[in-house]
Amino acid sequence: MDWTTGLFDLEYARTDLEHRSAQAQADVQVMRSLLRPEPHHAVLDLGCGLGRHTLALAREGFTQVTGLDFVPAYLERSREQAQRERIGVKFLLGSQPKCV
């Protein structure tokens, strides 16, 4: 078992990640002002966790948004939230070093 398996569990998500959801929209605004991406540009959110930024980017009109994380439970919750909001994003299971 990898050391990260025990660290990044749903309890961590509840205590450390969920309260940051409101910040994601502000972060996306900063990204837009610095990077000036166009809505048709593809965006990859590495280490997307619960999908806060992935979903916020899609809400802003980006049409090719993908979130990547290695925690299946986070991806499941991200997919559920995207489904509830009817947001078309992809969430993939994988680790950053292997995919970059």
PDB file of N, CA and C in Angstrom:
ATOM      1  N   MET A   1       0.834  -1.175   0.000  1.00  0.00           N
ATOM      2  CA  MET A   1       0.000   0.000   0.000  1.00  0.00           C
ATOM      3  C   MET A   1       0.886   1.249   0.000  1.00  0.00           C
ATOM      4  N   ASP A   2       0.578   2.164  -0.862  1.00  0.00           N
ATOM      5  CA  ASP A   2       1.290   3.425  -0.974  1.00  0.00           C
ATOM      6  C   ASP A   2       0.935   4.329   0.210  1.00  0.00           C
ATOM      7  N   TRP A   3       1.878   5.139   0.702  1.00  0.00           N
ATOM      8  CA  TRP A   3       1.632   6.004   1.856  1.00  0.00           C
ATOM      9  C   TRP A   3       0.520   7.009   1.603  1.00  0.00           C
ATOM     10  N   THR A   4       0.313   7.377   0.335  1.00  0.00           N
ATOM     11  CA  THR A   4      -0.719   8.367   0.033  1.00  0.00           C
ATOM     12  C   THR A   4      -2.125   7.807   0.170  1.00  0.00           C
ATOM     13  N   THR A   5      -2.261   6.486   0.090  1.00  0.00           N
ATOM     14  CA  THR A   5      -3.584   5.867   0.177  1.00  0.00           C
ATOM     15  C   THR A   5      -4.260   6.204   1.496  1.00  0.00           C
ATOM     16  N   GLY A   6      -3.532   6.124   2.575  1.00  0.00           N
ATOM     17  CA  GLY A   6      -4.106   6.433   3.878  1.00  0.00           C
ATOM     18  C   GLY A   6      -4.247   7.918   4.140  1.00  0.00           C
ATOM     19  N   LEU A   7      -3.419   8.720   3.496  1.00  0.00           N
ATOM     20  CA  LEU A   7      -3.450  10.159   3.732  1.00  0.00           C
ATOM     21  C   LEU A   7      -4.627  10.833   3.034  1.00  0.00           C
ATOM     22  N   PHE A   8      -4.821  10.520   1.779  1.00  0.00           N
ATOM     23  CA  PHE A   8      -5.852  11.187   0.989  1.00  0.00           C
ATOM     24  C   PHE A   8      -7.136  10.365   0.965  1.00  0.00           C
ATOM     25  N   ASP A   9      -7.803  10.287   2.111  1.00  0.00           N
ATOM     26  CA  ASP A   9      -9.062   9.554   2.194  1.00  0.00           C
ATOM     27  C   ASP A   9     -10.218  10.549   2.263  1.00  0.00           C
ATOM     28  N   LEU A  10     -11.436  10.041   2.414  1.00  0.00           N
ATOM     29  CA  LEU A  10     -12.590  10.932   2.447  1.00  0.00           C
ATOM     30  C   LEU A  10     -12.619  11.817   3.688  1.00  0.00           C
ATOM     31  N   GLU A  11     -12.025  11.355   4.778  1.00  0.00           N
ATOM     32  CA  GLU A  11     -11.957  12.208   5.971  1.00  0.00           C
ATOM     33  C   GLU A  11     -11.093  13.438   5.688  1.00  0.00           C
ATOM     34  N   TYR A  12      -9.984  13.239   4.998  1.00  0.00           N
ATOM     35  CA  TYR A  12      -9.144  14.370   4.587  1.00  0.00           C
ATOM     36  C   TYR A  12      -9.947  15.311   3.693  1.00  0.00           C
ATOM     37  N   ALA A  13     -10.708  14.733   2.783  1.00  0.00           N
ATOM     38  CA  ALA A  13     -11.516  15.552   1.882  1.00  0.00           C
ATOM     39  C   ALA A  13     -12.506  16.402   2.663  1.00  0.00           C
ATOM     40  N   ARG A  14     -13.143  15.802   3.652  1.00  0.00           N
ATOM     41  CA  ARG A  14     -14.131  16.545   4.441  1.00  0.00           C
ATOM     42  C   ARG A  14     -13.485  17.647   5.269  1.00  0.00           C
ATOM     43  N   THR A  15     -12.339  17.366   5.860  1.00  0.00           N
ATOM     44  CA  THR A  15     -11.738  18.335   6.773  1.00  0.00           C
ATOM     45  C   THR A  15     -10.858  19.362   6.077  1.00  0.00           C
ATOM     46  N   ASP A  16     -10.268  19.007   4.953  1.00  0.00           N
ATOM     47  CA  ASP A  16      -9.301  19.914   4.340  1.00  0.00           C
ATOM     48  C   ASP A  16      -9.707  20.457   2.975  1.00  0.00           C
ATOM     49  N   LEU A  17     -10.547  19.755   2.258  1.00  0.00           N
ATOM     50  CA  LEU A  17     -10.849  20.181   0.896  1.00  0.00           C
ATOM     51  C   LEU A  17     -12.218  20.829   0.731  1.00  0.00           C
ATOM     52  N   GLU A  18     -13.240  20.288   1.377  1.00  0.00           N
ATOM     53  CA  GLU A  18     -14.594  20.772   1.128  1.00  0.00           C
ATOM     54  C   GLU A  18     -14.773  22.238   1.478  1.00  0.00           C
ATOM     55  N   HIS A  19     -14.118  22.698   2.519  1.00  0.00           N
ATOM     56  CA  HIS A  19     -14.301  24.100   2.906  1.00  0.00           C
ATOM     57  C   HIS A  19     -13.643  25.070   1.927  1.00  0.00           C
ATOM     58  N   ARG A  20     -12.874  24.566   0.999  1.00  0.00           N
ATOM     59  CA  ARG A  20     -12.200  25.428   0.026  1.00  0.00           C
ATOM     60  C   ARG A  20     -12.987  25.605  -1.271  1.00  0.00           C
ATOM     61  N   SER A  21     -14.155  25.019  -1.367  1.00  0.00           N
ATOM     62  CA  SER A  21     -14.923  25.078  -2.610  1.00  0.00           C
ATOM     63  C   SER A  21     -15.230  26.500  -3.050  1.00  0.00           C
ATOM     64  N   ALA A  22     -15.541  27.369  -2.116  1.00  0.00           N
ATOM     65  CA  ALA A  22     -15.859  28.755  -2.464  1.00  0.00           C
ATOM     66  C   ALA A  22     -14.658  29.463  -3.079  1.00  0.00           C
ATOM     67  N   GLN A  23     -13.468  29.063  -2.711  1.00  0.00           N
ATOM     68  CA  GLN A  23     -12.253  29.691  -3.228  1.00  0.00           C
ATOM     69  C   GLN A  23     -11.988  29.319  -4.687  1.00  0.00           C
ATOM     70  N   ALA A  24     -12.504  28.189  -5.136  1.00  0.00           N
ATOM     71  CA  ALA A  24     -12.211  27.703  -6.484  1.00  0.00           C
ATOM     72  C   ALA A  24     -12.630  28.692  -7.556  1.00  0.00           C
ATOM     73  N   GLN A  25     -13.803  29.285  -7.412  1.00  0.00           N
ATOM     74  CA  GLN A  25     -14.274  30.232  -8.423  1.00  0.00           C
ATOM     75  C   GLN A  25     -13.349  31.441  -8.507  1.00  0.00           C
ATOM     76  N   ALA A  26     -12.899  31.930  -7.369  1.00  0.00           N
ATOM     77  CA  ALA A  26     -11.956  33.058  -7.362  1.00  0.00           C
ATOM     78  C   ALA A  26     -10.628  32.652  -8.000  1.00  0.00           C
ATOM     79  N   ASP A  27     -10.186  31.432  -7.727  1.00  0.00           N
ATOM     80  CA  ASP A  27      -8.945  30.934  -8.333  1.00  0.00           C
ATOM     81  C   ASP A  27      -9.054  30.904  -9.853  1.00  0.00           C
ATOM     82  N   VAL A  28     -10.205  30.478 -10.350  1.00  0.00           N
ATOM     83  CA  VAL A  28     -10.422  30.409 -11.798  1.00  0.00           C
ATOM     84  C   VAL A  28     -10.354  31.811 -12.409  1.00  0.00           C
ATOM     85  N   GLN A  29     -10.888  32.790 -11.724  1.00  0.00           N
ATOM     86  CA  GLN A  29     -10.819  34.165 -12.233  1.00  0.00           C
ATOM     87  C   GLN A  29      -9.368  34.642 -12.329  1.00  0.00           C
ATOM     88  N   VAL A  30      -8.559  34.289 -11.340  1.00  0.00           N
ATOM     89  CA  VAL A  30      -7.135  34.650 -11.376  1.00  0.00           C
ATOM     90  C   VAL A  30      -6.447  33.936 -12.538  1.00  0.00           C
ATOM     91  N   MET A  31      -6.741  32.641 -12.722  1.00  0.00           N
ATOM     92  CA  MET A  31      -6.159  31.889 -13.846  1.00  0.00           C
ATOM     93  C   MET A  31      -6.510  32.546 -15.172  1.00  0.00           C
ATOM     94  N   ARG A  32      -7.763  32.936 -15.306  1.00  0.00           N
ATOM     95  CA  ARG A  32      -8.207  33.564 -16.557  1.00  0.00           C
ATOM     96  C   ARG A  32      -7.451  34.869 -16.812  1.00  0.00           C
ATOM     97  N   SER A  33      -7.274  35.669 -15.777  1.00  0.00           N
ATOM     98  CA  SER A  33      -6.613  36.961 -15.980  1.00  0.00           C
ATOM     99  C   SER A  33      -5.123  36.795 -16.286  1.00  0.00           C
ATOM    100  N   LEU A  34      -4.496  35.786 -15.720  1.00  0.00           N
ATOM    101  CA  LEU A  34      -3.068  35.567 -15.953  1.00  0.00           C
ATOM    102  C   LEU A  34      -2.792  34.844 -17.268  1.00  0.00           C
ATOM    103  N   LEU A  35      -3.574  33.818 -17.564  1.00  0.00           N
ATOM    104  CA  LEU A  35      -3.301  32.967 -18.723  1.00  0.00           C
ATOM    105  C   LEU A  35      -4.068  33.374 -19.977  1.00  0.00           C
ATOM    106  N   ARG A  36      -5.182  34.038 -19.798  1.00  0.00           N
ATOM    107  CA  ARG A  36      -6.050  34.465 -20.897  1.00  0.00           C
ATOM    108  C   ARG A  36      -6.418  33.324 -21.848  1.00  0.00           C
ATOM    109  N   PRO A  37      -6.875  32.211 -21.305  1.00  0.00           N
ATOM    110  CA  PRO A  37      -7.267  31.095 -22.166  1.00  0.00           C
ATOM    111  C   PRO A  37      -8.593  31.374 -22.864  1.00  0.00           C
ATOM    112  N   GLU A  38      -8.802  30.708 -23.965  1.00  0.00           N
ATOM    113  CA  GLU A  38     -10.068  30.772 -24.694  1.00  0.00           C
ATOM    114  C   GLU A  38     -10.917  29.569 -24.278  1.00  0.00           C
ATOM    115  N   PRO A  39     -12.247  29.701 -24.308  1.00  0.00           N
ATOM    116  CA  PRO A  39     -13.110  28.592 -23.889  1.00  0.00           C
ATOM    117  C   PRO A  39     -12.880  27.286 -24.654  1.00  0.00           C
ATOM    118  N   HIS A  40     -12.391  27.356 -25.892  1.00  0.00           N
ATOM    119  CA  HIS A  40     -12.165  26.127 -26.662  1.00  0.00           C
ATOM    120  C   HIS A  40     -10.839  25.447 -26.303  1.00  0.00           C
ATOM    121  N   HIS A  41      -9.993  26.096 -25.519  1.00  0.00           N
ATOM    122  CA  HIS A  41      -8.727  25.481 -25.109  1.00  0.00           C
ATOM    123  C   HIS A  41      -8.982  24.322 -24.155  1.00  0.00           C
ATOM    124  N   ALA A  42      -8.197  23.278 -24.291  1.00  0.00           N
ATOM    125  CA  ALA A  42      -8.299  22.131 -23.386  1.00  0.00           C
ATOM    126  C   ALA A  42      -7.604  22.466 -22.069  1.00  0.00           C
ATOM    127  N   VAL A  43      -8.223  22.044 -20.969  1.00  0.00           N
ATOM    128  CA  VAL A  43      -7.673  22.294 -19.639  1.00  0.00           C
ATOM    129  C   VAL A  43      -7.549  20.963 -18.909  1.00  0.00           C
ATOM    130  N   LEU A  44      -6.375  20.697 -18.341  1.00  0.00           N
ATOM    131  CA  LEU A  44      -6.141  19.494 -17.546  1.00  0.00           C
ATOM    132  C   LEU A  44      -5.864  19.921 -16.114  1.00  0.00           C
ATOM    133  N   ASP A  45      -6.691  19.455 -15.201  1.00  0.00           N
ATOM    134  CA  ASP A  45      -6.537  19.755 -13.776  1.00  0.00           C
ATOM    135  C   ASP A  45      -5.845  18.565 -13.124  1.00  0.00           C
ATOM    136  N   LEU A  46      -4.525  18.671 -12.963  1.00  0.00           N
ATOM    137  CA  LEU A  46      -3.742  17.591 -12.350  1.00  0.00           C
ATOM    138  C   LEU A  46      -3.935  17.593 -10.843  1.00  0.00           C
ATOM    139  N   GLY A  47      -4.204  16.440 -10.287  1.00  0.00           N
ATOM    140  CA  GLY A  47      -4.465  16.357  -8.853  1.00  0.00           C
ATOM    141  C   GLY A  47      -5.761  17.068  -8.512  1.00  0.00           C
ATOM    142  N   CYS A  48      -6.808  16.764  -9.264  1.00  0.00           N
ATOM    143  CA  CYS A  48      -8.068  17.513  -9.166  1.00  0.00           C
ATOM    144  C   CYS A  48      -8.825  17.299  -7.862  1.00  0.00           C
ATOM    145  N   GLY A  49      -8.479  16.262  -7.113  1.00  0.00           N
ATOM    146  CA  GLY A  49      -9.168  16.041  -5.843  1.00  0.00           C
ATOM    147  C   GLY A  49     -10.659  15.900  -6.028  1.00  0.00           C
ATOM    148  N   LEU A  50     -11.429  16.740  -5.344  1.00  0.00           N
ATOM    149  CA  LEU A  50     -12.887  16.696  -5.423  1.00  0.00           C
ATOM    150  C   LEU A  50     -13.436  17.439  -6.636  1.00  0.00           C
ATOM    151  N   GLY A  51     -12.559  17.899  -7.505  1.00  0.00           N
ATOM    152  CA  GLY A  51     -12.999  18.525  -8.750  1.00  0.00           C
ATOM    153  C   GLY A  51     -13.435  19.972  -8.633  1.00  0.00           C
ATOM    154  N   ARG A  52     -13.048  20.642  -7.563  1.00  0.00           N
ATOM    155  CA  ARG A  52     -13.479  22.034  -7.370  1.00  0.00           C
ATOM    156  C   ARG A  52     -13.102  22.918  -8.555  1.00  0.00           C
ATOM    157  N   HIS A  53     -11.836  22.890  -8.940  1.00  0.00           N
ATOM    158  CA  HIS A  53     -11.385  23.742 -10.044  1.00  0.00           C
ATOM    159  C   HIS A  53     -11.858  23.200 -11.389  1.00  0.00           C
ATOM    160  N   THR A  54     -11.887  21.892 -11.528  1.00  0.00           N
ATOM    161  CA  THR A  54     -12.363  21.284 -12.769  1.00  0.00           C
ATOM    162  C   THR A  54     -13.780  21.749 -13.065  1.00  0.00           C
ATOM    163  N   LEU A  55     -14.643  21.646 -12.066  1.00  0.00           N
ATOM    164  CA  LEU A  55     -16.042  22.038 -12.238  1.00  0.00           C
ATOM    165  C   LEU A  55     -16.180  23.548 -12.413  1.00  0.00           C
ATOM    166  N   ALA A  56     -15.402  24.316 -11.670  1.00  0.00           N
ATOM    167  CA  ALA A  56     -15.466  25.777 -11.795  1.00  0.00           C
ATOM    168  C   ALA A  56     -15.056  26.226 -13.195  1.00  0.00           C
ATOM    169  N   LEU A  57     -14.046  25.587 -13.761  1.00  0.00           N
ATOM    170  CA  LEU A  57     -13.625  25.917 -15.126  1.00  0.00           C
ATOM    171  C   LEU A  57     -14.738  25.609 -16.123  1.00  0.00           C
ATOM    172  N   ALA A  58     -15.392  24.479 -15.954  1.00  0.00           N
ATOM    173  CA  ALA A  58     -16.494  24.119 -16.847  1.00  0.00           C
ATOM    174  C   ALA A  58     -17.660  25.097 -16.688  1.00  0.00           C
ATOM    175  N   ARG A  59     -17.930  25.506 -15.463  1.00  0.00           N
ATOM    176  CA  ARG A  59     -18.999  26.494 -15.233  1.00  0.00           C
ATOM    177  C   ARG A  59     -18.695  27.816 -15.929  1.00  0.00           C
ATOM    178  N   GLU A  60     -17.414  28.115 -16.076  1.00  0.00           N
ATOM    179  CA  GLU A  60     -16.988  29.355 -16.733  1.00  0.00           C
ATOM    180  C   GLU A  60     -17.053  29.255 -18.255  1.00  0.00           C
ATOM    181  N   GLY A  61     -17.448  28.109 -18.766  1.00  0.00           N
ATOM    182  CA  GLY A  61     -17.631  27.976 -20.199  1.00  0.00           C
ATOM    183  C   GLY A  61     -16.560  27.200 -20.935  1.00  0.00           C
ATOM    184  N   PHE A  62     -15.563  26.692 -20.230  1.00  0.00           N
ATOM    185  CA  PHE A  62     -14.557  25.868 -20.892  1.00  0.00           C
ATOM    186  C   PHE A  62     -15.193  24.538 -21.276  1.00  0.00           C
ATOM    187  N   THR A  63     -14.984  24.123 -22.502  1.00  0.00           N
ATOM    188  CA  THR A  63     -15.697  22.958 -23.029  1.00  0.00           C
ATOM    189  C   THR A  63     -14.883  21.672 -23.022  1.00  0.00           C
ATOM    190  N   GLN A  64     -13.589  21.760 -22.822  1.00  0.00           N
ATOM    191  CA  GLN A  64     -12.729  20.571 -22.812  1.00  0.00           C
ATOM    192  C   GLN A  64     -11.944  20.526 -21.506  1.00  0.00           C
ATOM    193  N   VAL A  65     -12.625  20.166 -20.432  1.00  0.00           N
ATOM    194  CA  VAL A  65     -12.004  20.162 -19.112  1.00  0.00           C
ATOM    195  C   VAL A  65     -11.898  18.725 -18.613  1.00  0.00           C
ATOM    196  N   THR A  66     -10.698  18.350 -18.164  1.00  0.00           N
ATOM    197  CA  THR A  66     -10.448  17.011 -17.636  1.00  0.00           C
ATOM    198  C   THR A  66      -9.762  17.128 -16.286  1.00  0.00           C
ATOM    199  N   GLY A  67     -10.254  16.368 -15.324  1.00  0.00           N
ATOM    200  CA  GLY A  67      -9.627  16.293 -14.011  1.00  0.00           C
ATOM    201  C   GLY A  67      -8.938  14.949 -13.854  1.00  0.00           C
ATOM    202  N   LEU A  68      -7.744  14.947 -13.303  1.00  0.00           N
ATOM    203  CA  LEU A  68      -6.973  13.722 -13.100  1.00  0.00           C
ATOM    204  C   LEU A  68      -6.609  13.604 -11.630  1.00  0.00           C
ATOM    205  N   ASP A  69      -6.873  12.451 -11.040  1.00  0.00           N
ATOM    206  CA  ASP A  69      -6.487  12.212  -9.652  1.00  0.00           C
ATOM    207  C   ASP A  69      -6.275  10.715  -9.468  1.00  0.00           C
ATOM    208  N   PHE A  70      -5.571  10.355  -8.390  1.00  0.00           N
ATOM    209  CA  PHE A  70      -5.294   8.942  -8.134  1.00  0.00           C
ATOM    210  C   PHE A  70      -6.157   8.372  -7.011  1.00  0.00           C
ATOM    211  N   VAL A  71      -7.097   9.154  -6.496  1.00  0.00           N
ATOM    212  CA  VAL A  71      -7.969   8.687  -5.420  1.00  0.00           C
ATOM    213  C   VAL A  71      -9.352   8.393  -5.999  1.00  0.00           C
ATOM    214  N   PRO A  72      -9.694   7.112  -6.149  1.00  0.00           N
ATOM    215  CA  PRO A  72     -10.980   6.758  -6.753  1.00  0.00           C
ATOM    216  C   PRO A  72     -12.188   7.386  -6.059  1.00  0.00           C
ATOM    217  N   ALA A  73     -12.169   7.476  -4.743  1.00  0.00           N
ATOM    218  CA  ALA A  73     -13.311   8.048  -4.019  1.00  0.00           C
ATOM    219  C   ALA A  73     -13.504   9.526  -4.365  1.00  0.00           C
ATOM    220  N   TYR A  74     -12.412  10.259  -4.555  1.00  0.00           N
ATOM    221  CA  TYR A  74     -12.525  11.668  -4.943  1.00  0.00           C
ATOM    222  C   TYR A  74     -13.152  11.782  -6.331  1.00  0.00           C
ATOM    223  N   LEU A  75     -12.703  10.926  -7.235  1.00  0.00           N
ATOM    224  CA  LEU A  75     -13.231  10.971  -8.596  1.00  0.00           C
ATOM    225  C   LEU A  75     -14.710  10.613  -8.624  1.00  0.00           C
ATOM    226  N   GLU A  76     -15.098   9.659  -7.810  1.00  0.00           N
ATOM    227  CA  GLU A  76     -16.509   9.280  -7.740  1.00  0.00           C
ATOM    228  C   GLU A  76     -17.354  10.472  -7.285  1.00  0.00           C
ATOM    229  N   ARG A  77     -16.903  11.152  -6.250  1.00  0.00           N
ATOM    230  CA  ARG A  77     -17.642  12.328  -5.765  1.00  0.00           C
ATOM    231  C   ARG A  77     -17.637  13.443  -6.802  1.00  0.00           C
ATOM    232  N   SER A  78     -16.540  13.613  -7.495  1.00  0.00           N
ATOM    233  CA  SER A  78     -16.459  14.636  -8.543  1.00  0.00           C
ATOM    234  C   SER A  78     -17.440  14.341  -9.665  1.00  0.00           C
ATOM    235  N   ARG A  79     -17.475  13.094 -10.081  1.00  0.00           N
ATOM    236  CA  ARG A  79     -18.409  12.697 -11.145  1.00  0.00           C
ATOM    237  C   ARG A  79     -19.858  12.896 -10.710  1.00  0.00           C
ATOM    238  N   GLU A  80     -20.154  12.548  -9.460  1.00  0.00           N
ATOM    239  CA  GLU A  80     -21.515  12.732  -8.943  1.00  0.00           C
ATOM    240  C   GLU A  80     -21.910  14.206  -8.960  1.00  0.00           C
ATOM    241  N   GLN A  81     -20.987  15.069  -8.549  1.00  0.00           N
ATOM    242  CA  GLN A  81     -21.280  16.505  -8.543  1.00  0.00           C
ATOM    243  C   GLN A  81     -21.479  17.019  -9.961  1.00  0.00           C
ATOM    244  N   ALA A  82     -20.646  16.585 -10.885  1.00  0.00           N
ATOM    245  CA  ALA A  82     -20.786  16.998 -12.280  1.00  0.00           C
ATOM    246  C   ALA A  82     -22.132  16.543 -12.832  1.00  0.00           C
ATOM    247  N   GLN A  83     -22.543  15.345 -12.473  1.00  0.00           N
ATOM    248  CA  GLN A  83     -23.831  14.826 -12.925  1.00  0.00           C
ATOM    249  C   GLN A  83     -24.979  15.651 -12.338  1.00  0.00           C
ATOM    250  N   ARG A  84     -24.893  15.966 -11.044  1.00  0.00           N
ATOM    251  CA  ARG A  84     -25.937  16.780 -10.408  1.00  0.00           C
ATOM    252  C   ARG A  84     -26.082  18.136 -11.091  1.00  0.00           C
ATOM    253  N   GLU A  85     -24.949  18.713 -11.467  1.00  0.00           N
ATOM    254  CA  GLU A  85     -24.963  20.034 -12.100  1.00  0.00           C
ATOM    255  C   GLU A  85     -25.104  19.962 -13.618  1.00  0.00           C
ATOM    256  N   ARG A  86     -25.119  18.751 -14.144  1.00  0.00           N
ATOM    257  CA  ARG A  86     -25.202  18.544 -15.601  1.00  0.00           C
ATOM    258  C   ARG A  86     -24.056  19.249 -16.331  1.00  0.00           C
ATOM    259  N   ILE A  87     -22.860  19.036 -15.789  1.00  0.00           N
ATOM    260  CA  ILE A  87     -21.647  19.617 -16.364  1.00  0.00           C
ATOM    261  C   ILE A  87     -20.881  18.516 -17.090  1.00  0.00           C
ATOM    262  N   GLY A  88     -20.528  18.761 -18.327  1.00  0.00           N
ATOM    263  CA  GLY A  88     -19.808  17.778 -19.125  1.00  0.00           C
ATOM    264  C   GLY A  88     -18.306  17.900 -18.980  1.00  0.00           C
ATOM    265  N   VAL A  89     -17.758  17.203 -18.009  1.00  0.00           N
ATOM    266  CA  VAL A  89     -16.309  17.155 -17.821  1.00  0.00           C
ATOM    267  C   VAL A  89     -15.893  15.694 -17.718  1.00  0.00           C
ATOM    268  N   LYS A  90     -14.603  15.448 -17.903  1.00  0.00           N
ATOM    269  CA  LYS A  90     -14.068  14.090 -17.745  1.00  0.00           C
ATOM    270  C   LYS A  90     -13.235  14.037 -16.479  1.00  0.00           C
ATOM    271  N   PHE A  91     -13.361  12.936 -15.761  1.00  0.00           N
ATOM    272  CA  PHE A  91     -12.508  12.685 -14.602  1.00  0.00           C
ATOM    273  C   PHE A  91     -11.807  11.358 -14.834  1.00  0.00           C
ATOM    274  N   LEU A  92     -10.482  11.369 -14.781  1.00  0.00           N
ATOM    275  CA  LEU A  92      -9.684  10.183 -15.058  1.00  0.00           C
ATOM    276  C   LEU A  92      -8.872   9.776 -13.843  1.00  0.00           C
ATOM    277  N   LEU A  93      -8.737   8.478 -13.674  1.00  0.00           N
ATOM    278  CA  LEU A  93      -7.919   7.918 -12.604  1.00  0.00           C
ATOM    279  C   LEU A  93      -6.495   7.759 -13.115  1.00  0.00           C
ATOM    280  N   GLY A  94      -5.551   8.335 -12.405  1.00  0.00           N
ATOM    281  CA  GLY A  94      -4.154   8.219 -12.794  1.00  0.00           C
ATOM    282  C   GLY A  94      -3.290   9.064 -11.883  1.00  0.00           C
ATOM    283  N   SER A  95      -1.993   8.856 -11.983  1.00  0.00           N
ATOM    284  CA  SER A  95      -1.074   9.662 -11.186  1.00  0.00           C
ATOM    285  C   SER A  95      -0.320  10.607 -12.110  1.00  0.00           C
ATOM    286  N   GLN A  96       0.026  11.737 -11.602  1.00  0.00           N
ATOM    287  CA  GLN A  96       0.640  12.778 -12.415  1.00  0.00           C
ATOM    288  C   GLN A  96       1.950  12.360 -13.068  1.00  0.00           C
ATOM    289  N   PRO A  97       2.886  11.762 -12.345  1.00  0.00           N
ATOM    290  CA  PRO A  97       4.157  11.426 -12.996  1.00  0.00           C
ATOM    291  C   PRO A  97       4.004  10.481 -14.183  1.00  0.00           C
ATOM    292  N   LYS A  98       3.040   9.581 -14.126  1.00  0.00           N
ATOM    293  CA  LYS A  98       2.855   8.623 -15.213  1.00  0.00           C
ATOM    294  C   LYS A  98       2.171   9.250 -16.418  1.00  0.00           C
ATOM    295  N   CYS A  99       1.423  10.308 -16.207  1.00  0.00           N
ATOM    296  CA  CYS A  99       0.634  10.899 -17.283  1.00  0.00           C
ATOM    297  C   CYS A  99       1.269  12.127 -17.905  1.00  0.00           C
ATOM    298  N   VAL A 100       2.230  12.715 -17.238  1.00  0.00           N
ATOM    299  CA  VAL A 100       2.819  13.959 -17.751  1.00  0.00           C
ATOM    300  C   VAL A 100       4.074  13.650 -18.528  1.00  0.00           C
TER     301      VAL A 100
END
